[in-house]
Amino acid sequence: MSDAAEELYREIRNGLVTQMSFCFEVLEWGREEKSRTVKRIGKVFDVSAVGIPANPMTEIEARSLMNSDKNLKRRIALLRLELEL
């Protein structure tokens, strides 16, 4: 892992960088009276960890690889159960 990646991981883990910003192609918009909603996206051009996001509802957190592996195994087991039903 590069020095910059390690520094970013520490900043996320310590709560200094808490949100995300995305750049993507919008394929379908939903329209409501006073707002627009992205219904479908196409190509994702960029995903960044940021301190001040365009959308304040985003969030990011640091997890260990071990926890990620456990979560992945649990999700796979749940999907297998769903397929059996």
Foldseek 3Di string as FASTA:
>chain_A
DDPVVVVVLVCQAVVVFWFKEWDFAQPDWDDDDPDIDRPDTDDTDDMDGGRDYPDPVGTDHHDDPVVVVVVVVVVVVVVVVVVVD
